[in-house]
């Protein structure tokens, strides 16, 4: 009786349990520990990905290019209005310039149309793709936000839970 009480009170039972667990893990891996290790690896990979693709902020060159990308549409709009103003202020000069434009060969006009069309078309396609990515990542509307793929939870919500 003295030996058993000393083993239990002295932590011998815990030592025997740890030893048995260690021996058992040699033959069959600890599933909980595997899940913890897999989760830690996943979190580390996400952290590395976040650090790699994180937004570092705009530098001077990025701000300059963003400003240049915003110029064509306002310049085209204000340039067209300026043509009307120029026609009213100096009709003779305006007509001379329009005669000059009529001398531009047609293939050059097609080239200009292609450049402007591709510029604005690529810009619109970029924003369409961006909207599609946002829509795929976040469901819109209250009903879409409530759908979880869990039938029991959806039934509970329908009952007013």
N, C-alpha and C. Protein backbone atom coordinates (compact mmCIF):
# COMPACT_ATOMS: atom_id res chain seq x y z
N UNK A 1 0.82 -1.18 0.00
CA UNK A 1 0.00 0.00 0.00
C UNK A 1 0.86 1.25 0.00
N UNK A 2 1.95 1.22 0.68
CA UNK A 2 2.83 2.37 0.74
C UNK A 2 3.44 2.68 -0.62
N UNK A 3 3.73 1.67 -1.40
CA UNK A 3 4.33 1.87 -2.71
C UNK A 3 3.35 2.52 -3.67
N UNK A 4 2.10 2.08 -3.65
CA UNK A 4 1.09 2.64 -4.54
C UNK A 4 0.78 4.09 -4.16
N UNK A 5 0.66 4.36 -2.87
CA UNK A 5 0.36 5.75 -2.47
C UNK A 5 1.51 6.67 -2.81
N UNK A 6 2.76 6.18 -2.71
CA UNK A 6 3.90 7.01 -3.09
C UNK A 6 3.92 7.27 -4.60
N UNK A 7 3.56 6.30 -5.41
CA UNK A 7 3.53 6.48 -6.86
C UNK A 7 2.47 7.51 -7.26
N UNK A 8 1.30 7.40 -6.64
CA UNK A 8 0.20 8.31 -6.99
C UNK A 8 0.48 9.72 -6.50
N UNK A 9 0.92 9.84 -5.22
CA UNK A 9 1.13 11.17 -4.67
C UNK A 9 2.44 11.79 -5.15
N UNK A 10 3.41 11.04 -5.52
CA UNK A 10 4.71 11.57 -5.93
C UNK A 10 4.79 11.90 -7.41
N UNK A 11 3.72 11.73 -8.16
CA UNK A 11 3.75 12.04 -9.59
C UNK A 11 4.22 10.88 -10.44
N UNK A 12 4.33 9.73 -9.85
CA UNK A 12 4.78 8.55 -10.61
C UNK A 12 3.76 8.15 -11.67
N UNK A 13 2.49 8.31 -11.34
CA UNK A 13 1.45 7.95 -12.32
C UNK A 13 1.53 8.87 -13.54
N UNK A 14 1.82 10.12 -13.31
CA UNK A 14 1.96 11.06 -14.43
C UNK A 14 3.15 10.69 -15.30
N UNK A 15 4.24 10.33 -14.65
CA UNK A 15 5.44 9.94 -15.40
C UNK A 15 5.17 8.69 -16.22
N UNK A 16 4.47 7.72 -15.63
CA UNK A 16 4.14 6.50 -16.37
C UNK A 16 3.22 6.82 -17.54
N UNK A 17 2.26 7.74 -17.34
CA UNK A 17 1.35 8.15 -18.41
C UNK A 17 2.08 8.84 -19.55
N UNK A 18 3.00 9.72 -19.20
CA UNK A 18 3.78 10.41 -20.24
C UNK A 18 4.65 9.42 -21.01
N UNK A 19 5.22 8.47 -20.32
CA UNK A 19 6.05 7.47 -20.98
C UNK A 19 5.20 6.62 -21.92
N UNK A 20 4.02 6.24 -21.47
CA UNK A 20 3.14 5.43 -22.32
C UNK A 20 2.70 6.23 -23.55
N UNK A 21 2.42 7.52 -23.37
CA UNK A 21 2.04 8.36 -24.50
C UNK A 21 3.20 8.49 -25.48
N UNK A 22 4.40 8.67 -24.97
CA UNK A 22 5.58 8.76 -25.84
C UNK A 22 5.80 7.49 -26.63
N UNK A 23 5.63 6.34 -25.99
CA UNK A 23 5.79 5.07 -26.68
C UNK A 23 4.69 4.90 -27.73
N UNK A 24 3.46 5.28 -27.38
CA UNK A 24 2.35 5.14 -28.33
C UNK A 24 2.55 6.03 -29.55
N UNK A 25 3.12 7.22 -29.35
CA UNK A 25 3.32 8.14 -30.48
C UNK A 25 4.41 7.67 -31.43
N UNK A 26 5.25 6.74 -30.99
CA UNK A 26 6.24 6.17 -31.89
C UNK A 26 5.54 5.35 -32.97
N UNK A 27 4.48 4.64 -32.60
CA UNK A 27 3.79 3.75 -33.53
C UNK A 27 2.64 4.44 -34.28
N UNK A 28 1.92 5.32 -33.62
CA UNK A 28 0.84 6.08 -34.27
C UNK A 28 1.04 7.55 -33.94
N UNK A 29 1.08 8.41 -34.96
CA UNK A 29 1.32 9.83 -34.68
C UNK A 29 0.14 10.46 -33.94
N UNK A 30 0.44 11.48 -33.16
CA UNK A 30 -0.57 12.21 -32.41
C UNK A 30 -1.34 13.11 -33.39
N UNK A 31 -2.62 12.81 -33.60
CA UNK A 31 -3.42 13.54 -34.59
C UNK A 31 -3.59 15.00 -34.18
N UNK A 32 -3.77 15.26 -32.89
CA UNK A 32 -3.94 16.64 -32.43
C UNK A 32 -2.68 17.45 -32.69
N UNK A 33 -1.54 16.85 -32.41
CA UNK A 33 -0.28 17.56 -32.64
C UNK A 33 -0.06 17.80 -34.13
N UNK A 34 -0.44 16.84 -34.97
CA UNK A 34 -0.33 17.03 -36.42
C UNK A 34 -1.20 18.19 -36.88
N UNK A 35 -2.41 18.28 -36.35
CA UNK A 35 -3.29 19.39 -36.73
C UNK A 35 -2.72 20.72 -36.26
N UNK A 36 -2.16 20.75 -35.07
CA UNK A 36 -1.55 21.98 -34.57
C UNK A 36 -0.37 22.40 -35.44
N UNK A 37 0.46 21.43 -35.83
CA UNK A 37 1.61 21.74 -36.69
C UNK A 37 1.15 22.21 -38.06
N UNK A 38 0.12 21.57 -38.62
CA UNK A 38 -0.40 21.98 -39.93
C UNK A 38 -0.96 23.39 -39.85
N UNK A 39 -1.66 23.70 -38.77
CA UNK A 39 -2.22 25.05 -38.60
C UNK A 39 -1.10 26.08 -38.46
N UNK A 40 -0.07 25.75 -37.70
CA UNK A 40 1.05 26.68 -37.54
C UNK A 40 1.75 26.91 -38.87
N UNK A 41 1.90 25.86 -39.69
CA UNK A 41 2.51 26.02 -41.01
C UNK A 41 1.63 26.88 -41.91
N UNK A 42 0.31 26.69 -41.82
CA UNK A 42 -0.62 27.48 -42.62
C UNK A 42 -0.55 28.95 -42.23
N UNK A 43 -0.53 29.24 -40.95
CA UNK A 43 -0.45 30.62 -40.47
C UNK A 43 0.89 31.25 -40.89
N UNK A 44 1.96 30.48 -40.83
CA UNK A 44 3.26 31.00 -41.27
C UNK A 44 3.26 31.31 -42.76
N UNK A 45 2.63 30.42 -43.56
CA UNK A 45 2.56 30.66 -45.00
C UNK A 45 1.72 31.90 -45.30
N UNK A 46 0.61 32.08 -44.59
CA UNK A 46 -0.21 33.28 -44.78
C UNK A 46 0.55 34.54 -44.40
N UNK A 47 1.31 34.47 -43.33
CA UNK A 47 2.11 35.62 -42.92
C UNK A 47 3.16 35.97 -43.95
N UNK A 48 3.80 34.94 -44.53
CA UNK A 48 4.80 35.19 -45.56
C UNK A 48 4.15 35.79 -46.80
N UNK A 49 2.99 35.25 -47.18
CA UNK A 49 2.28 35.77 -48.34
C UNK A 49 1.85 37.22 -48.12
N UNK A 50 1.36 37.50 -46.92
CA UNK A 50 0.97 38.87 -46.61
C UNK A 50 2.15 39.83 -46.65
N UNK A 51 3.30 39.37 -46.17
CA UNK A 51 4.48 40.23 -46.21
C UNK A 51 4.98 40.41 -47.63
N UNK A 52 4.82 39.37 -48.45
CA UNK A 52 5.33 39.44 -49.82
C UNK A 52 4.46 40.33 -50.70
N UNK A 53 3.15 40.24 -50.52
CA UNK A 53 2.24 40.99 -51.37
C UNK A 53 1.56 42.15 -50.65
N UNK A 54 2.09 42.55 -49.52
CA UNK A 54 1.53 43.67 -48.79
C UNK A 54 1.73 44.98 -49.54
N UNK A 55 0.88 45.92 -49.26
CA UNK A 55 0.96 47.22 -49.92
C UNK A 55 1.97 48.08 -49.18
N UNK A 56 3.01 48.48 -49.87
CA UNK A 56 4.08 49.24 -49.24
C UNK A 56 3.83 50.74 -49.29
N UNK A 57 2.77 51.14 -49.96
CA UNK A 57 2.48 52.57 -50.07
C UNK A 57 2.97 53.10 -51.41
N UNK A 58 2.46 54.23 -51.77
CA UNK A 58 2.82 54.83 -53.05
C UNK A 58 4.07 55.67 -52.90
N UNK A 59 5.00 55.44 -53.82
CA UNK A 59 6.18 56.30 -53.89
C UNK A 59 5.90 57.46 -54.82
N UNK A 60 6.90 58.27 -55.03
CA UNK A 60 6.73 59.45 -55.89
C UNK A 60 6.43 59.03 -57.33
N UNK A 61 7.11 57.98 -57.82
CA UNK A 61 6.87 57.53 -59.19
C UNK A 61 5.45 56.99 -59.35
N UNK A 62 4.98 56.22 -58.37
CA UNK A 62 3.61 55.68 -58.43
C UNK A 62 2.58 56.81 -58.46
N UNK A 63 2.78 57.82 -57.65
CA UNK A 63 1.85 58.95 -57.65
C UNK A 63 1.88 59.69 -58.99
N UNK A 64 3.08 59.82 -59.57
CA UNK A 64 3.21 60.48 -60.87
C UNK A 64 2.47 59.70 -61.95
N UNK A 65 2.66 58.37 -61.99
CA UNK A 65 2.01 57.55 -63.01
C UNK A 65 0.50 57.54 -62.80
N UNK A 66 0.04 57.47 -61.57
CA UNK A 66 -1.40 57.54 -61.31
C UNK A 66 -1.99 58.87 -61.78
N UNK A 67 -1.26 59.94 -61.57
CA UNK A 67 -1.71 61.24 -62.07
C UNK A 67 -1.75 61.28 -63.58
N UNK A 68 -0.75 60.70 -64.23
CA UNK A 68 -0.73 60.66 -65.70
C UNK A 68 -1.88 59.80 -66.23
N UNK A 69 -2.21 58.72 -65.55
CA UNK A 69 -3.31 57.85 -65.99
C UNK A 69 -4.67 58.54 -65.86
N UNK A 70 -4.75 59.54 -65.02
CA UNK A 70 -6.03 60.24 -64.85
C UNK A 70 -6.21 61.40 -65.82
N UNK A 71 -5.20 61.71 -66.61
CA UNK A 71 -5.27 62.88 -67.48
C UNK A 71 -6.04 62.70 -68.79
N UNK A 72 -5.99 61.56 -69.49
CA UNK A 72 -6.57 61.52 -70.85
C UNK A 72 -8.05 61.89 -70.93
N UNK A 73 -8.88 61.38 -70.05
CA UNK A 73 -10.32 61.69 -70.17
C UNK A 73 -10.61 63.18 -69.95
N UNK A 74 -10.08 63.80 -68.90
CA UNK A 74 -10.35 65.24 -68.76
C UNK A 74 -9.76 66.05 -69.92
N UNK A 75 -8.58 65.65 -70.41
CA UNK A 75 -7.99 66.40 -71.53
C UNK A 75 -8.85 66.28 -72.78
N UNK A 76 -9.38 65.08 -73.05
CA UNK A 76 -10.25 64.92 -74.21
C UNK A 76 -11.53 65.75 -74.05
N UNK A 77 -12.11 65.73 -72.87
CA UNK A 77 -13.35 66.49 -72.65
C UNK A 77 -13.10 68.00 -72.76
N UNK A 78 -12.10 68.48 -72.05
CA UNK A 78 -11.83 69.91 -72.09
C UNK A 78 -11.29 70.34 -73.45
N UNK A 79 -10.56 69.45 -74.12
CA UNK A 79 -10.07 69.77 -75.46
C UNK A 79 -11.20 69.93 -76.46
N UNK A 80 -12.23 69.11 -76.35
CA UNK A 80 -13.39 69.24 -77.23
C UNK A 80 -14.12 70.55 -76.97
N UNK A 81 -14.29 70.89 -75.71
CA UNK A 81 -14.92 72.18 -75.38
C UNK A 81 -14.05 73.33 -75.89
N UNK A 82 -12.73 73.19 -75.77
CA UNK A 82 -11.83 74.24 -76.26
C UNK A 82 -11.95 74.41 -77.77
N UNK A 83 -12.22 73.31 -78.51
CA UNK A 83 -12.43 73.43 -79.96
C UNK A 83 -13.65 74.30 -80.27
N UNK A 84 -14.72 74.11 -79.52
CA UNK A 84 -15.91 74.95 -79.72
C UNK A 84 -15.61 76.41 -79.40
N UNK A 85 -14.88 76.66 -78.33
CA UNK A 85 -14.53 78.03 -77.96
C UNK A 85 -13.63 78.64 -79.03
N UNK A 86 -12.68 77.86 -79.50
CA UNK A 86 -11.77 78.34 -80.55
C UNK A 86 -12.54 78.67 -81.83
N UNK A 87 -13.55 77.83 -82.17
CA UNK A 87 -14.34 78.09 -83.37
C UNK A 87 -15.13 79.39 -83.23
N UNK A 88 -15.57 79.71 -82.02
CA UNK A 88 -16.33 80.95 -81.83
C UNK A 88 -15.42 82.18 -81.80
N UNK A 89 -14.23 82.04 -81.22
CA UNK A 89 -13.32 83.18 -81.08
C UNK A 89 -12.62 83.50 -82.40
N UNK A 90 -12.11 82.45 -83.07
CA UNK A 90 -11.32 82.66 -84.30
C UNK A 90 -11.82 81.70 -85.38
N UNK A 91 -12.92 82.04 -86.06
CA UNK A 91 -13.47 81.12 -87.06
C UNK A 91 -12.51 80.84 -88.21
N UNK A 92 -11.73 81.84 -88.66
CA UNK A 92 -10.80 81.60 -89.77
C UNK A 92 -9.69 80.64 -89.37
N UNK A 93 -9.11 80.85 -88.20
CA UNK A 93 -8.05 79.95 -87.71
C UNK A 93 -8.58 78.54 -87.49
N UNK A 94 -9.79 78.46 -86.96
CA UNK A 94 -10.40 77.15 -86.74
C UNK A 94 -10.61 76.43 -88.07
N UNK A 95 -11.10 77.14 -89.11
CA UNK A 95 -11.34 76.50 -90.40
C UNK A 95 -10.03 76.06 -91.03
N UNK A 96 -8.95 76.84 -90.87
CA UNK A 96 -7.64 76.42 -91.40
C UNK A 96 -7.18 75.13 -90.73
N UNK A 97 -7.38 75.04 -89.43
CA UNK A 97 -6.96 73.82 -88.71
C UNK A 97 -7.82 72.62 -89.11
N UNK A 98 -9.10 72.85 -89.36
CA UNK A 98 -9.97 71.75 -89.78
C UNK A 98 -9.62 71.28 -91.20
N UNK A 99 -9.23 72.20 -92.04
CA UNK A 99 -8.75 71.81 -93.38
C UNK A 99 -7.48 70.97 -93.24
N UNK A 100 -6.63 71.35 -92.33
CA UNK A 100 -5.42 70.55 -92.06
C UNK A 100 -5.77 69.16 -91.57
N UNK A 101 -6.79 69.06 -90.71
CA UNK A 101 -7.21 67.74 -90.24
C UNK A 101 -7.80 66.90 -91.37
N UNK A 102 -8.47 67.56 -92.33
CA UNK A 102 -9.05 66.79 -93.44
C UNK A 102 -7.97 66.22 -94.34
N UNK A 103 -6.75 66.74 -94.26
CA UNK A 103 -5.65 66.23 -95.08
C UNK A 103 -4.94 65.03 -94.44
N UNK A 104 -5.28 64.72 -93.19
CA UNK A 104 -4.67 63.57 -92.52
C UNK A 104 -5.18 62.30 -93.22
N UNK A 105 -4.29 61.37 -93.60
CA UNK A 105 -4.73 60.15 -94.29
C UNK A 105 -5.62 59.28 -93.40
N UNK A 106 -6.55 58.55 -94.04
CA UNK A 106 -7.52 57.75 -93.29
C UNK A 106 -6.87 56.66 -92.43
N UNK A 107 -5.81 55.97 -92.90
CA UNK A 107 -5.19 54.96 -92.02
C UNK A 107 -4.68 55.54 -90.70
N UNK A 108 -4.26 56.80 -90.73
CA UNK A 108 -3.80 57.43 -89.50
C UNK A 108 -4.97 57.66 -88.53
N UNK A 109 -6.15 57.98 -89.08
CA UNK A 109 -7.33 58.13 -88.23
C UNK A 109 -7.70 56.78 -87.62
N UNK A 110 -7.60 55.70 -88.41
CA UNK A 110 -7.89 54.36 -87.88
C UNK A 110 -6.92 54.00 -86.76
N UNK A 111 -5.65 54.37 -86.95
CA UNK A 111 -4.66 54.10 -85.91
C UNK A 111 -4.98 54.87 -84.64
N UNK A 112 -5.35 56.13 -84.77
CA UNK A 112 -5.72 56.93 -83.61
C UNK A 112 -6.95 56.33 -82.91
N UNK A 113 -7.94 55.91 -83.70
CA UNK A 113 -9.14 55.29 -83.11
C UNK A 113 -8.79 54.00 -82.38
N UNK A 114 -7.87 53.21 -82.94
CA UNK A 114 -7.46 51.96 -82.27
C UNK A 114 -6.75 52.25 -80.96
N UNK A 115 -5.86 53.24 -80.97
CA UNK A 115 -5.11 53.57 -79.74
C UNK A 115 -6.06 54.06 -78.66
N UNK A 116 -6.94 54.99 -79.01
CA UNK A 116 -7.88 55.52 -78.01
C UNK A 116 -8.84 54.42 -77.56
N UNK A 117 -9.32 53.62 -78.52
CA UNK A 117 -10.25 52.54 -78.17
C UNK A 117 -9.61 51.50 -77.27
N UNK A 118 -8.36 51.12 -77.56
CA UNK A 118 -7.69 50.14 -76.71
C UNK A 118 -7.39 50.73 -75.34
N UNK A 119 -7.05 52.01 -75.28
CA UNK A 119 -6.78 52.62 -73.98
C UNK A 119 -8.02 52.57 -73.09
N UNK A 120 -9.14 53.07 -73.62
CA UNK A 120 -10.35 53.09 -72.80
C UNK A 120 -10.94 51.70 -72.64
N UNK A 121 -10.80 50.85 -73.64
CA UNK A 121 -11.31 49.48 -73.53
C UNK A 121 -10.55 48.69 -72.47
N UNK A 122 -9.22 48.83 -72.46
CA UNK A 122 -8.43 48.13 -71.45
C UNK A 122 -8.73 48.66 -70.06
N UNK A 123 -8.96 49.94 -69.96
CA UNK A 123 -9.30 50.54 -68.66
C UNK A 123 -10.63 49.99 -68.16
N UNK A 124 -11.62 49.92 -69.05
CA UNK A 124 -12.93 49.41 -68.66
C UNK A 124 -12.85 47.92 -68.32
N UNK A 125 -12.09 47.16 -69.10
CA UNK A 125 -11.92 45.74 -68.80
C UNK A 125 -11.26 45.53 -67.45
N UNK A 126 -10.29 46.39 -67.13
CA UNK A 126 -9.64 46.29 -65.82
C UNK A 126 -10.65 46.48 -64.69
N UNK A 127 -11.51 47.48 -64.81
CA UNK A 127 -12.47 47.73 -63.76
C UNK A 127 -13.57 46.67 -63.73
N UNK A 128 -13.91 46.10 -64.88
CA UNK A 128 -14.88 44.99 -64.89
C UNK A 128 -14.31 43.77 -64.18
N UNK A 129 -13.04 43.47 -64.44
CA UNK A 129 -12.40 42.33 -63.75
C UNK A 129 -12.32 42.61 -62.25
N UNK A 130 -12.01 43.84 -61.89
CA UNK A 130 -11.90 44.20 -60.48
C UNK A 130 -13.25 44.05 -59.79
N UNK A 131 -14.33 44.50 -60.45
CA UNK A 131 -15.67 44.35 -59.87
C UNK A 131 -16.04 42.88 -59.74
N UNK A 132 -15.65 42.05 -60.72
CA UNK A 132 -15.94 40.62 -60.65
C UNK A 132 -15.22 39.95 -59.50
N UNK A 133 -13.98 40.36 -59.24
CA UNK A 133 -13.23 39.77 -58.13
C UNK A 133 -13.85 40.16 -56.80
N UNK A 134 -14.31 41.39 -56.69
CA UNK A 134 -14.95 41.82 -55.44
C UNK A 134 -16.27 41.09 -55.26
N UNK A 135 -17.04 40.93 -56.34
CA UNK A 135 -18.33 40.25 -56.24
C UNK A 135 -18.13 38.78 -55.90
N UNK A 136 -17.06 38.16 -56.41
CA UNK A 136 -16.81 36.75 -56.10
C UNK A 136 -16.35 36.59 -54.66
N UNK A 137 -15.64 37.57 -54.14
CA UNK A 137 -15.12 37.48 -52.79
C UNK A 137 -16.13 37.82 -51.71
N UNK A 138 -17.08 38.68 -52.01
CA UNK A 138 -18.05 39.12 -51.01
C UNK A 138 -19.45 39.02 -51.58
N UNK A 139 -20.29 38.17 -51.03
CA UNK A 139 -21.67 38.13 -51.51
C UNK A 139 -22.38 39.43 -51.16
N UNK A 140 -23.27 39.87 -52.05
CA UNK A 140 -23.97 41.11 -51.78
C UNK A 140 -25.40 40.83 -51.37
N UNK A 141 -25.96 41.73 -50.60
CA UNK A 141 -27.34 41.60 -50.16
C UNK A 141 -27.45 40.84 -48.86
N UNK A 142 -28.57 41.05 -48.18
CA UNK A 142 -28.78 40.42 -46.87
C UNK A 142 -28.99 38.92 -47.01
N UNK A 143 -29.73 38.49 -48.04
CA UNK A 143 -29.99 37.06 -48.20
C UNK A 143 -28.70 36.32 -48.49
N UNK A 144 -27.83 36.87 -49.34
CA UNK A 144 -26.58 36.20 -49.66
C UNK A 144 -25.68 36.14 -48.44
N UNK A 145 -25.76 37.15 -47.58
CA UNK A 145 -24.92 37.15 -46.38
C UNK A 145 -25.39 36.11 -45.38
N UNK A 146 -26.66 35.75 -45.41
CA UNK A 146 -27.17 34.79 -44.44
C UNK A 146 -26.96 33.35 -44.88
N UNK A 147 -26.74 33.09 -46.16
CA UNK A 147 -26.52 31.72 -46.62
C UNK A 147 -25.15 31.26 -46.17
N UNK A 148 -25.12 30.15 -45.44
CA UNK A 148 -23.86 29.67 -44.90
C UNK A 148 -23.48 28.31 -45.43
N UNK A 149 -24.39 27.61 -46.10
CA UNK A 149 -24.11 26.25 -46.53
C UNK A 149 -24.37 25.26 -45.41
N UNK A 150 -24.90 25.73 -44.29
CA UNK A 150 -25.21 24.89 -43.15
C UNK A 150 -26.73 24.83 -43.02
N UNK A 151 -27.35 23.72 -43.44
CA UNK A 151 -28.82 23.65 -43.43
C UNK A 151 -29.43 23.84 -42.05
N UNK A 152 -28.78 23.31 -41.01
CA UNK A 152 -29.32 23.45 -39.66
C UNK A 152 -29.33 24.92 -39.22
N UNK A 153 -28.26 25.62 -39.51
CA UNK A 153 -28.18 27.03 -39.14
C UNK A 153 -29.19 27.86 -39.92
N UNK A 154 -29.37 27.57 -41.21
CA UNK A 154 -30.35 28.30 -42.01
C UNK A 154 -31.78 28.04 -41.52
N UNK A 155 -32.07 26.79 -41.13
CA UNK A 155 -33.39 26.49 -40.58
C UNK A 155 -33.60 27.23 -39.27
N UNK A 156 -32.58 27.29 -38.44
CA UNK A 156 -32.66 28.01 -37.17
C UNK A 156 -32.93 29.49 -37.42
N UNK A 157 -32.29 30.07 -38.43
CA UNK A 157 -32.53 31.47 -38.76
C UNK A 157 -33.95 31.69 -39.28
N UNK A 158 -34.45 30.73 -40.07
CA UNK A 158 -35.82 30.86 -40.58
C UNK A 158 -36.83 30.85 -39.44
N UNK A 159 -36.56 30.08 -38.41
CA UNK A 159 -37.47 30.02 -37.26
C UNK A 159 -37.38 31.26 -36.38
N UNK A 160 -36.40 32.09 -36.65
CA UNK A 160 -36.30 33.32 -35.88
C UNK A 160 -35.27 33.26 -34.79
N UNK A 161 -34.35 32.32 -34.85
CA UNK A 161 -33.31 32.14 -33.82
C UNK A 161 -32.30 33.16 -33.88
